[in-house]
Amino acid sequence: MKPYLSIVIPYYNSADTIGTLLTSIARSRNAPPYEVIVVDDGSVPKFEIRNMKSEPYGKSTSGLISRRKFPLRSLRLNHNMGPAAARNRGVKAARGKFVVFLDSDVELFPDTLHNLARVFITDPDVVALTGVWVKEQRTGDFFPNFKALRDWSYWINERDKSGYYYLFSTRIASIKRSVFTRLGGFDEKYPGALVEDIELTYRIARRYAIIFASDVRVRHEFEGFWPIARKYFLRAYHWTKLYARRKKFDPVATTLWEAIAALSGAGTLAVGLIWIMSLITVTLGIMNYDLRITNILLRSPLFVLLNSFFVILLSVHLFLVRKFLIFMYREKGGWFAVRGFVVGLILYLFIFSGAVWGRVSQRIIKLQMSPR
């Protein structure tokens, strides 16, 4: 039977998570006919996918995989080319009417594939949709829970309520295979998971709406602070280059308001650190009975301006992130919200730095290419 859905999964040394994903796919209920294509993106020999019936799925899932009830194929790239190239190769081998993209570290709910297919079946005009990863985390660690709430708030509390979701998010997204092929697939110049999904989103959105389906859910366990901060920096760096060509913001995470939030957040953190250092200097002066230095600093127009600027930046930023702060408070309590606010400021500094570096690098390239 020809599959209705072709599930394409890029795989790179993902031995710890691929078994969980495949097991969750096998447990899908009321799903239409589907096939699964795992594309090994040049994994190191220890983690290569050579035989889908054996390791690296782990002892807990190897039996289930060997007794799988769905068509499962593996492709292998000779060297690591990035998820964009891996997904494109998977689509070339696909036979389904619709392609479903999943990251190798997510887990489906039993009704995910059923709900996804229902969108296309109910409305034949829909050609692309994206789902959502739930806000619950299995770990009790602060940062993964913060990141899960941050993403959930973007897509549920703060998104465009018109129903159109301006991001083809490949953790869980689907598109008509003929449309994907006609658009040329993902841009393979991106070697990592950077902005290849955003760039494809722009090309899809020129002609079609990307539907947000809140009941098409996956579970995703988020990483710690440093891997996410690095991704934010690189994503901002590359997105700035996309913005330079389009001169347009987007109605989800990369909105004008979010850009202002990043600017005000980075500014609040930077000015706040200077303000704290100034207060420490004043405090030390009082403790050492050096009132002359303390009076000079307190009466300095620069210190007064610094205080005013800090209050303005903080007020603007609080206003811009108020929905997320309230959401964190309701979900996890006041202390979590306070910590989340501070961590959010630090992440905005990474985003701002990535965007600035992206802009500077573009300027350098233009200067190098301009005739002398």
Protein backbone atom coordinates (compact mmCIF):
# COMPACT_ATOMS: atom_id res chain seq x y z
CA MET A 1 0.00 0.00 0.00
CA LYS A 2 1.34 3.41 -0.94
CA PRO A 3 1.98 5.51 2.17
CA TYR A 4 0.02 8.69 2.80
CA LEU A 5 2.77 10.11 5.04
CA SER A 6 6.53 9.81 4.60
CA ILE A 7 8.28 10.49 7.90
CA VAL A 8 11.82 11.79 7.31
CA ILE A 9 14.25 11.82 10.24
CA PRO A 10 17.80 13.18 9.98
CA TYR A 11 20.12 11.18 12.20
CA TYR A 12 23.58 12.09 13.44
CA ASN A 13 25.09 10.12 16.34
CA SER A 14 21.62 10.12 17.93
CA ALA A 15 21.78 6.64 19.44
CA ASP A 16 20.36 7.82 22.77
CA THR A 17 17.12 9.19 21.31
CA ILE A 18 16.29 7.50 18.00
CA GLY A 19 14.94 4.37 19.70
CA THR A 20 12.47 6.38 21.77
CA LEU A 21 11.25 8.19 18.66
CA LEU A 22 10.79 5.02 16.59
CA THR A 23 9.03 3.34 19.48
CA SER A 24 6.62 6.26 19.78
CA ILE A 25 5.94 6.10 16.03
CA ALA A 26 5.18 2.38 16.30
CA ARG A 27 2.66 3.14 19.06
CA SER A 28 0.70 5.60 16.92
CA ARG A 29 -3.05 5.02 16.89
CA ASN A 30 -5.48 5.54 13.98
CA ALA A 31 -2.69 6.83 11.75
CA PRO A 32 -2.96 6.65 7.94
CA PRO A 33 -0.49 4.46 6.02
CA TYR A 34 3.02 5.78 6.54
CA GLU A 35 6.66 5.00 5.97
CA VAL A 36 9.72 6.04 7.95
CA ILE A 37 12.99 7.11 6.34
CA VAL A 38 15.98 7.66 8.62
CA VAL A 39 18.87 9.47 6.96
CA ASP A 40 22.22 8.84 8.63
CA ASP A 41 24.07 12.12 8.16
CA GLY A 42 27.58 10.66 8.22
CA SER A 43 27.57 9.44 11.81
CA VAL A 44 30.86 8.24 13.26
CA PRO A 45 31.34 4.47 12.80
CA LYS A 46 30.31 3.69 16.38
CA PHE A 47 26.83 5.16 15.78
CA GLU A 48 26.19 4.32 12.12
CA ILE A 49 22.78 2.98 11.20
CA ARG A 50 23.55 -0.14 9.23
CA ASN A 51 20.75 -2.43 10.28
CA MET A 52 17.49 -1.01 11.58
CA LYS A 53 16.73 -4.23 13.48
CA SER A 54 19.67 -3.97 15.83
CA GLU A 55 21.56 -1.43 17.85
CA PRO A 56 21.93 1.56 18.35
CA TYR A 57 18.32 1.49 19.55
CA GLY A 58 19.09 0.01 22.93
CA LYS A 59 17.93 -3.17 24.62
CA SER A 60 14.61 -1.66 25.61
CA THR A 61 13.50 -1.02 22.03
CA SER A 62 15.46 -3.41 19.82
CA GLY A 63 12.79 -6.09 20.13
CA LEU A 64 10.02 -3.69 19.17
CA ILE A 65 11.98 -2.38 16.20
CA SER A 66 12.62 -5.89 14.93
CA ARG A 67 8.86 -6.53 15.09
CA ARG A 68 7.90 -3.17 13.61
CA LYS A 69 4.69 -2.94 11.63
CA PHE A 70 5.63 -0.02 9.42
CA PRO A 71 8.02 0.30 6.44
CA LEU A 72 11.35 1.62 7.66
CA ARG A 73 14.34 2.43 5.50
CA SER A 74 17.74 3.91 6.23
CA LEU A 75 19.90 6.03 3.95
CA ARG A 76 23.47 7.01 4.65
CA LEU A 77 25.41 10.09 3.55
CA ASN A 78 29.14 9.58 3.07
CA HIS A 79 29.98 12.52 5.29
CA ASN A 80 28.20 14.93 7.62
CA MET A 81 26.35 17.50 5.49
CA GLY A 82 23.84 18.88 7.98
CA PRO A 83 20.12 18.28 8.60
CA ALA A 84 19.03 20.33 5.56
CA ALA A 85 20.87 18.02 3.16
CA ALA A 86 19.79 14.91 5.09
CA ARG A 87 16.12 15.89 4.91
CA ASN A 88 16.37 16.64 1.19
CA ARG A 89 17.85 13.18 0.54
CA GLY A 90 15.07 11.62 2.56
CA VAL A 91 12.37 13.39 0.56
CA LYS A 92 13.90 12.17 -2.69
CA ALA A 93 13.38 8.60 -1.47
CA ALA A 94 9.87 9.29 -0.11
CA ARG A 95 6.68 7.95 -1.69
CA GLY A 96 4.00 9.56 0.45
CA LYS A 97 1.73 12.42 -0.57
CA PHE A 98 2.86 14.42 2.45
CA VAL A 99 6.29 14.56 4.06
CA VAL A 100 6.55 14.73 7.85
CA PHE A 101 9.78 16.11 9.28
CA LEU A 102 10.83 15.04 12.77
CA ASP A 103 14.04 15.67 14.65
CA SER A 104 15.66 12.53 16.01
CA ASP A 105 15.32 13.69 19.63
CA VAL A 106 11.54 14.09 19.83
CA GLU A 107 8.83 11.64 20.88
CA LEU A 108 5.35 11.40 19.36
CA PHE A 109 2.09 11.13 21.23
CA PRO A 110 -0.18 8.25 20.17
CA ASP A 111 -2.54 10.64 18.36
CA THR A 112 0.11 12.87 16.70
CA LEU A 113 0.05 11.28 13.23
CA HIS A 114 -3.73 10.90 13.30
CA ASN A 115 -4.25 14.56 14.15
CA LEU A 116 -1.69 15.64 11.56
CA ALA A 117 -3.31 13.69 8.73
CA ARG A 118 -6.77 14.90 9.76
CA VAL A 119 -5.76 18.50 8.99
CA PHE A 120 -4.88 17.63 5.40
CA ILE A 121 -7.86 15.33 4.90
CA THR A 122 -10.36 17.81 6.35
CA ASP A 123 -9.10 20.72 4.26
CA PRO A 124 -7.53 19.71 0.92
CA ASP A 125 -6.31 23.28 0.38
CA VAL A 126 -3.82 23.02 3.27
CA VAL A 127 -0.32 22.23 2.00
CA ALA A 128 1.85 22.83 5.09
CA LEU A 129 1.46 22.71 8.84
CA THR A 130 3.55 22.74 11.96
CA GLY A 131 2.86 21.35 15.39
CA VAL A 132 4.20 22.10 18.83
CA TRP A 133 6.38 20.47 21.46
CA VAL A 134 4.72 20.36 24.84
CA LYS A 135 5.90 22.46 27.77
CA GLU A 136 6.40 19.56 30.20
CA GLN A 137 9.94 18.29 30.85
CA ARG A 138 10.91 15.05 32.53
CA THR A 139 13.79 16.73 34.35
CA GLY A 140 13.34 19.09 37.25
CA ASP A 141 16.33 21.22 36.23
CA PHE A 142 15.61 24.89 35.86
CA PHE A 143 16.86 25.75 32.38
CA PRO A 144 15.19 22.98 30.33
CA ASN A 145 11.89 23.91 31.98
CA PHE A 146 12.53 27.60 31.33
CA LYS A 147 13.24 26.92 27.64
CA ALA A 148 10.17 24.73 27.28
CA LEU A 149 7.96 27.44 28.78
CA ARG A 150 9.63 30.11 26.63
CA ASP A 151 8.88 28.22 23.42
CA TRP A 152 5.36 27.32 24.50
CA SER A 153 4.60 30.92 25.35
CA TYR A 154 5.80 32.08 21.92
CA TRP A 155 3.48 29.72 20.10
CA ILE A 156 0.48 29.59 22.38
CA ASN A 157 0.33 32.87 24.32
CA GLU A 158 2.09 35.32 22.02
CA ARG A 159 1.63 34.08 18.47
CA ASP A 160 -0.55 35.58 15.77
CA LYS A 161 -4.05 34.46 16.73
CA SER A 162 -5.18 34.44 13.10
CA GLY A 163 -4.25 30.77 12.99
CA TYR A 164 -1.32 31.11 10.62
CA TYR A 165 2.01 30.09 12.05
CA TYR A 166 4.94 31.72 10.39
CA LEU A 167 7.56 29.07 11.01
CA PHE A 168 7.95 25.66 9.42
CA SER A 169 9.47 24.18 12.55
CA THR A 170 11.12 20.89 11.65
CA ARG A 171 10.89 19.31 15.10
CA ILE A 172 7.35 18.51 13.91
CA ALA A 173 6.17 19.85 10.55
CA SER A 174 4.59 18.49 7.39
CA ILE A 175 4.24 19.65 3.80
CA LYS A 176 2.84 18.31 0.55
CA ARG A 177 5.72 16.50 -1.10
CA SER A 178 5.08 17.98 -4.55
CA VAL A 179 5.16 21.50 -3.09
CA PHE A 180 8.37 20.82 -1.19
CA THR A 181 10.01 19.48 -4.34
CA ARG A 182 8.83 22.41 -6.44
CA LEU A 183 10.23 24.86 -3.91
CA GLY A 184 13.64 23.18 -4.07
CA GLY A 185 13.72 21.81 -0.53
CA PHE A 186 15.94 23.09 2.25
CA ASP A 187 18.89 25.32 1.47
CA GLU A 188 21.90 23.04 1.95
CA LYS A 189 24.40 25.84 2.43
CA TYR A 190 23.51 25.74 6.14
CA PRO A 191 25.72 23.01 7.66
CA GLY A 192 23.90 22.82 10.98
CA ALA A 193 20.48 23.29 12.51
CA LEU A 194 20.55 27.07 12.11
CA VAL A 195 17.96 28.98 10.06
CA GLU A 196 17.28 26.49 7.27
CA ASP A 197 13.71 26.10 8.57
CA ILE A 198 13.17 29.87 8.64
CA GLU A 199 14.57 30.28 5.13
CA LEU A 200 12.23 27.57 3.81
CA THR A 201 9.36 29.19 5.71
CA TYR A 202 9.87 32.37 3.70
CA ARG A 203 9.66 30.48 0.42
CA ILE A 204 6.56 28.53 1.48
CA ALA A 205 4.83 31.67 2.72
CA ARG A 206 5.14 33.46 -0.60
CA ARG A 207 2.30 31.28 -1.88
CA TYR A 208 0.86 29.26 0.98
CA ALA A 209 -0.19 29.59 4.59
CA ILE A 210 1.51 27.38 7.18
CA ILE A 211 -1.22 26.14 9.51
CA PHE A 212 -0.54 25.84 13.23
CA ALA A 213 -2.03 22.62 14.61
CA SER A 214 -1.90 22.70 18.41
CA ASP A 215 -2.97 19.06 18.72
CA VAL A 216 -0.04 17.83 16.59
CA ARG A 217 2.27 17.40 19.55
CA VAL A 218 5.68 15.99 20.30
CA ARG A 219 7.70 15.76 23.47
CA HIS A 220 11.19 17.25 23.44
CA GLU A 221 13.71 17.31 26.27
CA PHE A 222 15.70 20.53 26.09
CA GLU A 223 19.42 20.93 26.64
CA GLY A 224 21.23 23.00 29.24
CA PHE A 225 22.07 26.70 29.07
CA TRP A 226 25.29 26.79 27.04
CA PRO A 227 24.19 24.69 24.03
CA ILE A 228 21.00 26.76 23.76
CA ALA A 229 22.85 30.08 24.19
CA ARG A 230 25.25 29.09 21.41
CA LYS A 231 22.33 28.20 19.14
CA TYR A 232 20.67 31.55 19.87
CA PHE A 233 23.87 33.39 18.94
CA LEU A 234 24.32 31.47 15.67
CA ARG A 235 20.64 31.64 14.78
CA ALA A 236 20.60 35.42 15.29
CA TYR A 237 23.82 35.73 13.26
CA HIS A 238 22.36 33.89 10.27
CA TRP A 239 18.86 35.35 10.59
CA THR A 240 20.31 38.86 10.39
CA LYS A 241 21.62 37.96 6.94
CA LEU A 242 18.15 36.80 5.91
CA TYR A 243 16.66 40.02 7.23
CA ALA A 244 19.17 42.07 5.23
CA ARG A 245 17.72 40.57 2.06
CA ARG A 246 14.03 40.73 3.03
CA LYS A 247 13.86 43.84 5.26
CA LYS A 248 10.89 42.28 7.06
CA PHE A 249 10.18 40.87 10.50
CA ASP A 250 7.98 37.82 11.13
CA PRO A 251 4.80 37.30 13.19
CA VAL A 252 6.16 34.61 15.55
CA ALA A 253 9.50 34.69 17.39
CA THR A 254 11.33 37.10 15.07
CA THR A 255 8.86 39.96 15.36
CA LEU A 256 9.69 43.64 15.57
CA TRP A 257 8.62 43.53 19.21
CA GLU A 258 10.93 40.60 19.86
CA ALA A 259 13.79 42.50 18.25
CA ILE A 260 13.07 45.45 20.56
CA ALA A 261 12.89 43.02 23.49
CA ALA A 262 16.33 41.66 22.57
CA LEU A 263 17.71 45.20 22.33
CA SER A 264 16.11 46.34 25.60
CA GLY A 265 17.10 43.09 27.34
CA ALA A 266 20.75 43.32 26.31
CA GLY A 267 20.75 47.03 27.19
CA THR A 268 19.15 46.39 30.58
CA LEU A 269 21.75 43.79 31.41
CA ALA A 270 24.70 45.91 30.27
CA VAL A 271 23.54 49.14 31.91
CA GLY A 272 22.41 47.21 34.97
CA LEU A 273 25.91 45.79 35.49
CA ILE A 274 27.41 49.29 35.24
CA TRP A 275 24.75 50.57 37.63
CA ILE A 276 25.52 47.81 40.14
CA MET A 277 29.24 48.55 39.93
CA SER A 278 28.48 52.20 40.62
CA LEU A 279 26.39 51.28 43.65
CA ILE A 280 29.20 49.06 44.92
CA THR A 281 31.59 52.00 44.57
CA VAL A 282 29.19 54.24 46.51
CA THR A 283 28.77 51.58 49.21
CA LEU A 284 32.52 51.11 49.57
CA GLY A 285 32.96 54.86 49.83
CA ILE A 286 30.42 55.03 52.66
CA MET A 287 32.00 52.08 54.45
CA ASN A 288 35.45 53.69 54.21
CA TYR A 289 34.10 57.10 55.29
CA ASP A 290 35.27 58.54 51.98
CA LEU A 291 32.23 60.77 51.59
CA ARG A 292 33.99 63.07 49.14
CA ILE A 293 34.12 60.39 46.42
CA THR A 294 30.62 59.23 47.31
CA ASN A 295 29.15 62.75 47.01
CA ILE A 296 30.91 63.37 43.72
CA LEU A 297 29.56 60.14 42.26
CA LEU A 298 26.01 60.58 43.56
CA ARG A 299 25.81 64.17 42.27
CA SER A 300 27.39 63.34 38.95
CA PRO A 301 25.07 64.02 35.96
CA LEU A 302 26.41 60.82 34.42
CA PHE A 303 25.27 58.78 37.45
CA VAL A 304 21.82 60.42 37.37
CA LEU A 305 21.58 59.74 33.62
CA LEU A 306 22.67 56.14 34.17
CA ASN A 307 19.94 55.62 36.77
CA SER A 308 17.30 57.11 34.51
CA PHE A 309 18.44 55.11 31.50
CA PHE A 310 18.42 51.88 33.50
CA VAL A 311 14.90 52.51 34.80
CA ILE A 312 13.64 53.28 31.28
CA LEU A 313 15.23 50.19 29.74
CA LEU A 314 14.01 47.96 32.55
CA SER A 315 10.47 49.34 32.28
CA VAL A 316 10.36 48.84 28.52
CA HIS A 317 11.69 45.32 28.78
CA LEU A 318 9.29 44.37 31.57
CA PHE A 319 6.41 45.59 29.43
CA LEU A 320 7.57 43.59 26.40
CA VAL A 321 8.03 40.31 28.31
CA ARG A 322 5.09 40.72 30.67
CA LYS A 323 3.06 37.88 29.14
CA PHE A 324 5.90 35.43 29.56
CA LEU A 325 6.61 36.58 33.12
CA ILE A 326 2.97 36.08 34.08
CA PHE A 327 2.99 32.70 32.35
CA MET A 328 6.10 31.56 34.25
CA TYR A 329 4.60 32.76 37.52
CA ARG A 330 1.39 30.81 36.92
CA GLU A 331 3.23 27.67 35.85
CA LYS A 332 6.17 27.56 38.25
CA GLY A 333 5.81 30.29 40.87
CA GLY A 334 7.44 33.61 41.71
CA TRP A 335 11.05 32.47 42.27
CA PHE A 336 11.08 30.63 38.96
CA ALA A 337 9.76 33.76 37.22
CA VAL A 338 12.49 35.91 38.78
CA ARG A 339 15.21 33.48 37.72
CA GLY A 340 13.61 33.22 34.29
CA PHE A 341 13.66 36.99 33.89
CA VAL A 342 17.40 37.15 34.66
CA VAL A 343 18.26 34.20 32.42
CA GLY A 344 16.13 35.76 29.69
CA LEU A 345 18.23 38.93 29.87
CA ILE A 346 21.41 36.88 29.41
CA LEU A 347 19.96 35.01 26.44
CA TYR A 348 18.89 38.29 24.87
CA LEU A 349 22.51 39.41 25.16
CA PHE A 350 23.56 36.34 23.14
CA ILE A 351 20.87 37.08 20.54
CA PHE A 352 21.86 40.74 20.33
CA SER A 353 25.54 39.84 20.03
CA GLY A 354 24.82 37.35 17.26
CA ALA A 355 22.76 39.90 15.35
CA VAL A 356 25.45 42.58 15.72
CA TRP A 357 28.17 40.21 14.58
CA GLY A 358 26.03 39.19 11.63
CA ARG A 359 25.59 42.81 10.63
CA VAL A 360 29.28 43.61 11.11
CA SER A 361 30.38 40.61 9.06
CA GLN A 362 28.07 41.66 6.23
CA ARG A 363 29.58 45.11 6.31
CA ILE A 364 33.10 43.70 6.22
CA ILE A 365 32.26 41.51 3.23
CA LYS A 366 30.80 44.47 1.36
CA LEU A 367 33.91 46.54 2.02
CA GLN A 368 36.13 43.72 0.82
CA MET A 369 34.12 43.28 -2.37
CA SER A 370 33.79 46.98 -3.19
CA PRO A 371 36.18 48.35 -5.84
CA ARG A 372 39.08 50.28 -4.44
